[in-house]
Amino acid sequence: MAHDGDPLGIVFMPALVLILHAAEKEKGTPLTEAEVLEIRDNAVGMTVPLSVANELERSRGYADISPENCWPEWLSVREQLAVE
């Protein structure tokens, strides 16, 4: 399947939100911004056409955190996880 002209996006394997959630559970206290950014910087990701990234997200059933807005998105997601 050709993806000419499709911009690229990063897909983390496993999803960054899962990595951060597991790290925070293991730590037992909220992650700091520096910890979140370090985890993001060391996470395994691959660059794929954005259409492929969007399809992976749909098949997963939830959105991942964007690497560019990692800290504010993590703060929002962790609030939602605390409610569930």
N, C-alpha and C. Protein backbone atom coordinates (compact mmCIF):
# COMPACT_ATOMS: atom_id res chain seq x y z
N MET A 1 0.85 -1.18 0.00
CA MET A 1 0.00 0.00 0.00
C MET A 1 0.89 1.24 0.00
N ALA A 2 0.74 2.12 -0.95
CA ALA A 2 1.55 3.34 -1.07
C ALA A 2 1.00 4.43 -0.15
N HIS A 3 1.91 5.22 0.38
CA HIS A 3 1.52 6.31 1.26
C HIS A 3 2.17 7.61 0.82
N ASP A 4 2.30 7.79 -0.50
CA ASP A 4 2.94 8.99 -1.03
C ASP A 4 2.24 10.24 -0.54
N GLY A 5 3.01 11.19 -0.06
CA GLY A 5 2.45 12.46 0.40
C GLY A 5 1.86 12.40 1.79
N ASP A 6 1.81 11.24 2.40
CA ASP A 6 1.27 11.08 3.75
C ASP A 6 2.36 11.50 4.74
N PRO A 7 2.09 12.49 5.60
CA PRO A 7 3.10 12.89 6.58
C PRO A 7 3.42 11.74 7.53
N LEU A 8 4.57 11.83 8.16
CA LEU A 8 5.01 10.76 9.05
C LEU A 8 4.66 11.08 10.50
N GLY A 9 4.46 10.04 11.28
CA GLY A 9 4.20 10.16 12.70
C GLY A 9 4.95 9.08 13.45
N ILE A 10 5.11 9.24 14.74
CA ILE A 10 5.81 8.26 15.56
C ILE A 10 4.78 7.40 16.29
N VAL A 11 5.00 6.10 16.24
CA VAL A 11 4.16 5.15 16.97
C VAL A 11 5.07 4.44 17.97
N PHE A 12 4.69 4.50 19.25
CA PHE A 12 5.46 3.84 20.29
C PHE A 12 4.96 2.42 20.47
N MET A 13 5.91 1.51 20.72
CA MET A 13 5.59 0.10 20.92
C MET A 13 6.22 -0.36 22.22
N PRO A 14 5.49 -0.62 23.29
CA PRO A 14 4.05 -0.43 23.42
C PRO A 14 3.71 1.07 23.47
N ALA A 15 2.43 1.36 23.54
CA ALA A 15 1.96 2.74 23.56
C ALA A 15 2.61 3.50 24.72
N LEU A 16 2.99 4.74 24.47
CA LEU A 16 3.64 5.57 25.47
C LEU A 16 2.79 5.72 26.72
N VAL A 17 1.49 5.83 26.56
CA VAL A 17 0.60 5.96 27.72
C VAL A 17 0.71 4.74 28.63
N LEU A 18 0.86 3.56 28.05
CA LEU A 18 1.01 2.34 28.85
C LEU A 18 2.36 2.31 29.57
N ILE A 19 3.41 2.74 28.88
CA ILE A 19 4.74 2.78 29.47
C ILE A 19 4.75 3.72 30.67
N LEU A 20 4.17 4.91 30.50
CA LEU A 20 4.15 5.90 31.59
C LEU A 20 3.30 5.41 32.75
N HIS A 21 2.16 4.82 32.46
CA HIS A 21 1.29 4.31 33.51
C HIS A 21 2.00 3.22 34.33
N ALA A 22 2.68 2.32 33.64
CA ALA A 22 3.41 1.25 34.33
C ALA A 22 4.55 1.82 35.17
N ALA A 23 5.25 2.82 34.64
CA ALA A 23 6.37 3.43 35.37
C ALA A 23 5.86 4.13 36.64
N GLU A 24 4.71 4.79 36.53
CA GLU A 24 4.17 5.49 37.69
C GLU A 24 3.67 4.49 38.73
N LYS A 25 3.05 3.41 38.30
CA LYS A 25 2.60 2.38 39.24
C LYS A 25 3.80 1.77 39.96
N GLU A 26 4.87 1.50 39.22
CA GLU A 26 6.07 0.92 39.82
C GLU A 26 6.72 1.89 40.81
N LYS A 27 6.75 3.17 40.45
CA LYS A 27 7.35 4.18 41.33
C LYS A 27 6.52 4.39 42.59
N GLY A 28 5.21 4.36 42.44
CA GLY A 28 4.32 4.53 43.59
C GLY A 28 3.97 5.97 43.88
N THR A 29 4.51 6.90 43.13
CA THR A 29 4.20 8.32 43.25
C THR A 29 4.15 8.90 41.84
N PRO A 30 3.54 10.09 41.69
CA PRO A 30 3.46 10.68 40.35
C PRO A 30 4.84 10.91 39.73
N LEU A 31 4.91 10.66 38.44
CA LEU A 31 6.12 10.93 37.70
C LEU A 31 6.33 12.44 37.59
N THR A 32 7.57 12.86 37.59
CA THR A 32 7.89 14.27 37.36
C THR A 32 7.96 14.52 35.85
N GLU A 33 7.98 15.79 35.48
CA GLU A 33 8.10 16.11 34.06
C GLU A 33 9.40 15.54 33.50
N ALA A 34 10.49 15.67 34.24
CA ALA A 34 11.78 15.15 33.78
C ALA A 34 11.72 13.64 33.57
N GLU A 35 11.04 12.92 34.47
CA GLU A 35 10.92 11.47 34.33
C GLU A 35 10.09 11.10 33.11
N VAL A 36 8.99 11.82 32.89
CA VAL A 36 8.14 11.56 31.72
C VAL A 36 8.92 11.78 30.44
N LEU A 37 9.66 12.87 30.37
CA LEU A 37 10.42 13.17 29.16
C LEU A 37 11.55 12.16 28.95
N GLU A 38 12.19 11.72 30.03
CA GLU A 38 13.24 10.71 29.90
C GLU A 38 12.67 9.38 29.41
N ILE A 39 11.52 9.00 29.94
CA ILE A 39 10.86 7.76 29.49
C ILE A 39 10.52 7.88 28.02
N ARG A 40 9.94 9.00 27.63
CA ARG A 40 9.59 9.22 26.22
C ARG A 40 10.84 9.12 25.34
N ASP A 41 11.92 9.76 25.77
CA ASP A 41 13.14 9.79 24.96
C ASP A 41 13.79 8.42 24.82
N ASN A 42 13.51 7.51 25.75
CA ASN A 42 14.12 6.18 25.72
C ASN A 42 13.15 5.09 25.27
N ALA A 43 11.91 5.47 24.97
CA ALA A 43 10.91 4.49 24.54
C ALA A 43 11.17 4.07 23.09
N VAL A 44 10.75 2.87 22.76
CA VAL A 44 10.89 2.36 21.40
C VAL A 44 9.74 2.88 20.56
N GLY A 45 10.09 3.55 19.48
CA GLY A 45 9.08 4.07 18.57
C GLY A 45 9.52 3.87 17.14
N MET A 46 8.57 3.91 16.25
CA MET A 46 8.90 3.81 14.84
C MET A 46 8.14 4.88 14.07
N THR A 47 8.77 5.33 13.01
CA THR A 47 8.16 6.35 12.17
C THR A 47 7.37 5.65 11.06
N VAL A 48 6.11 6.03 10.98
CA VAL A 48 5.22 5.43 9.97
C VAL A 48 4.38 6.55 9.35
N PRO A 49 3.81 6.29 8.18
CA PRO A 49 2.88 7.27 7.63
C PRO A 49 1.75 7.53 8.62
N LEU A 50 1.31 8.78 8.71
CA LEU A 50 0.28 9.16 9.66
C LEU A 50 -1.00 8.34 9.49
N SER A 51 -1.33 7.97 8.27
CA SER A 51 -2.54 7.14 8.06
C SER A 51 -2.38 5.78 8.74
N VAL A 52 -1.17 5.22 8.74
CA VAL A 52 -0.91 3.95 9.41
C VAL A 52 -0.98 4.14 10.93
N ALA A 53 -0.40 5.23 11.42
CA ALA A 53 -0.46 5.53 12.86
C ALA A 53 -1.91 5.67 13.32
N ASN A 54 -2.72 6.34 12.53
CA ASN A 54 -4.14 6.52 12.89
C ASN A 54 -4.88 5.18 12.89
N GLU A 55 -4.55 4.32 11.94
CA GLU A 55 -5.20 3.00 11.90
C GLU A 55 -4.78 2.15 13.10
N LEU A 56 -3.51 2.20 13.49
CA LEU A 56 -3.06 1.48 14.68
C LEU A 56 -3.80 1.98 15.92
N GLU A 57 -3.99 3.29 16.02
CA GLU A 57 -4.71 3.86 17.15
C GLU A 57 -6.15 3.37 17.18
N ARG A 58 -6.81 3.35 16.02
CA ARG A 58 -8.19 2.87 15.95
C ARG A 58 -8.26 1.40 16.36
N SER A 59 -7.30 0.60 15.91
CA SER A 59 -7.34 -0.83 16.24
C SER A 59 -7.05 -1.07 17.72
N ARG A 60 -6.26 -0.19 18.33
CA ARG A 60 -5.96 -0.30 19.76
C ARG A 60 -7.17 0.08 20.60
N GLY A 61 -7.95 1.03 20.12
CA GLY A 61 -9.15 1.45 20.83
C GLY A 61 -8.94 2.64 21.75
N TYR A 62 -7.76 3.21 21.76
CA TYR A 62 -7.50 4.40 22.58
C TYR A 62 -6.36 5.18 21.94
N ALA A 63 -6.35 6.47 22.25
CA ALA A 63 -5.31 7.36 21.71
C ALA A 63 -4.06 7.28 22.57
N ASP A 64 -2.92 7.37 21.93
CA ASP A 64 -1.66 7.45 22.67
C ASP A 64 -1.33 8.91 22.91
N ILE A 65 -0.33 9.13 23.71
CA ILE A 65 0.16 10.47 24.01
C ILE A 65 1.10 10.90 22.88
N SER A 66 0.98 12.15 22.44
CA SER A 66 1.88 12.62 21.40
C SER A 66 3.23 12.96 22.01
N PRO A 67 4.31 12.61 21.33
CA PRO A 67 5.63 12.90 21.88
C PRO A 67 5.90 14.40 22.03
N GLU A 68 5.30 15.21 21.17
CA GLU A 68 5.52 16.66 21.24
C GLU A 68 4.85 17.30 22.44
N ASN A 69 3.72 16.76 22.87
CA ASN A 69 2.96 17.32 23.99
C ASN A 69 2.87 16.32 25.15
N CYS A 70 3.93 15.58 25.31
CA CYS A 70 3.94 14.45 26.24
C CYS A 70 3.54 14.84 27.67
N TRP A 71 4.15 15.87 28.23
CA TRP A 71 3.89 16.22 29.63
C TRP A 71 2.46 16.67 29.87
N PRO A 72 1.93 17.66 29.14
CA PRO A 72 0.54 18.07 29.42
C PRO A 72 -0.47 16.97 29.12
N GLU A 73 -0.22 16.17 28.09
CA GLU A 73 -1.15 15.08 27.78
C GLU A 73 -1.09 14.01 28.87
N TRP A 74 0.10 13.72 29.40
CA TRP A 74 0.22 12.75 30.47
C TRP A 74 -0.55 13.22 31.71
N LEU A 75 -0.42 14.51 32.05
CA LEU A 75 -1.14 15.04 33.21
C LEU A 75 -2.65 14.84 33.05
N SER A 76 -3.15 15.07 31.85
CA SER A 76 -4.58 14.91 31.58
C SER A 76 -4.98 13.44 31.68
N VAL A 77 -4.19 12.56 31.06
CA VAL A 77 -4.52 11.13 31.06
C VAL A 77 -4.45 10.56 32.47
N ARG A 78 -3.44 10.94 33.23
CA ARG A 78 -3.30 10.35 34.58
C ARG A 78 -4.47 10.76 35.47
N GLU A 79 -5.04 11.95 35.25
CA GLU A 79 -6.24 12.35 35.99
C GLU A 79 -7.40 11.42 35.63
N GLN A 80 -7.53 11.10 34.34
CA GLN A 80 -8.60 10.22 33.89
C GLN A 80 -8.39 8.81 34.45
N LEU A 81 -7.16 8.34 34.49
CA LEU A 81 -6.87 7.01 35.01
C LEU A 81 -7.17 6.93 36.51
N ALA A 82 -6.96 8.03 37.23
CA ALA A 82 -7.22 8.04 38.66
C ALA A 82 -8.71 7.94 38.94
N VAL A 83 -9.55 8.43 38.04
CA VAL A 83 -11.00 8.40 38.22
C VAL A 83 -11.55 7.00 37.96
N GLU A 84 -10.92 6.29 37.05
CA GLU A 84 -11.42 4.96 36.64
C GLU A 84 -11.12 3.91 37.67
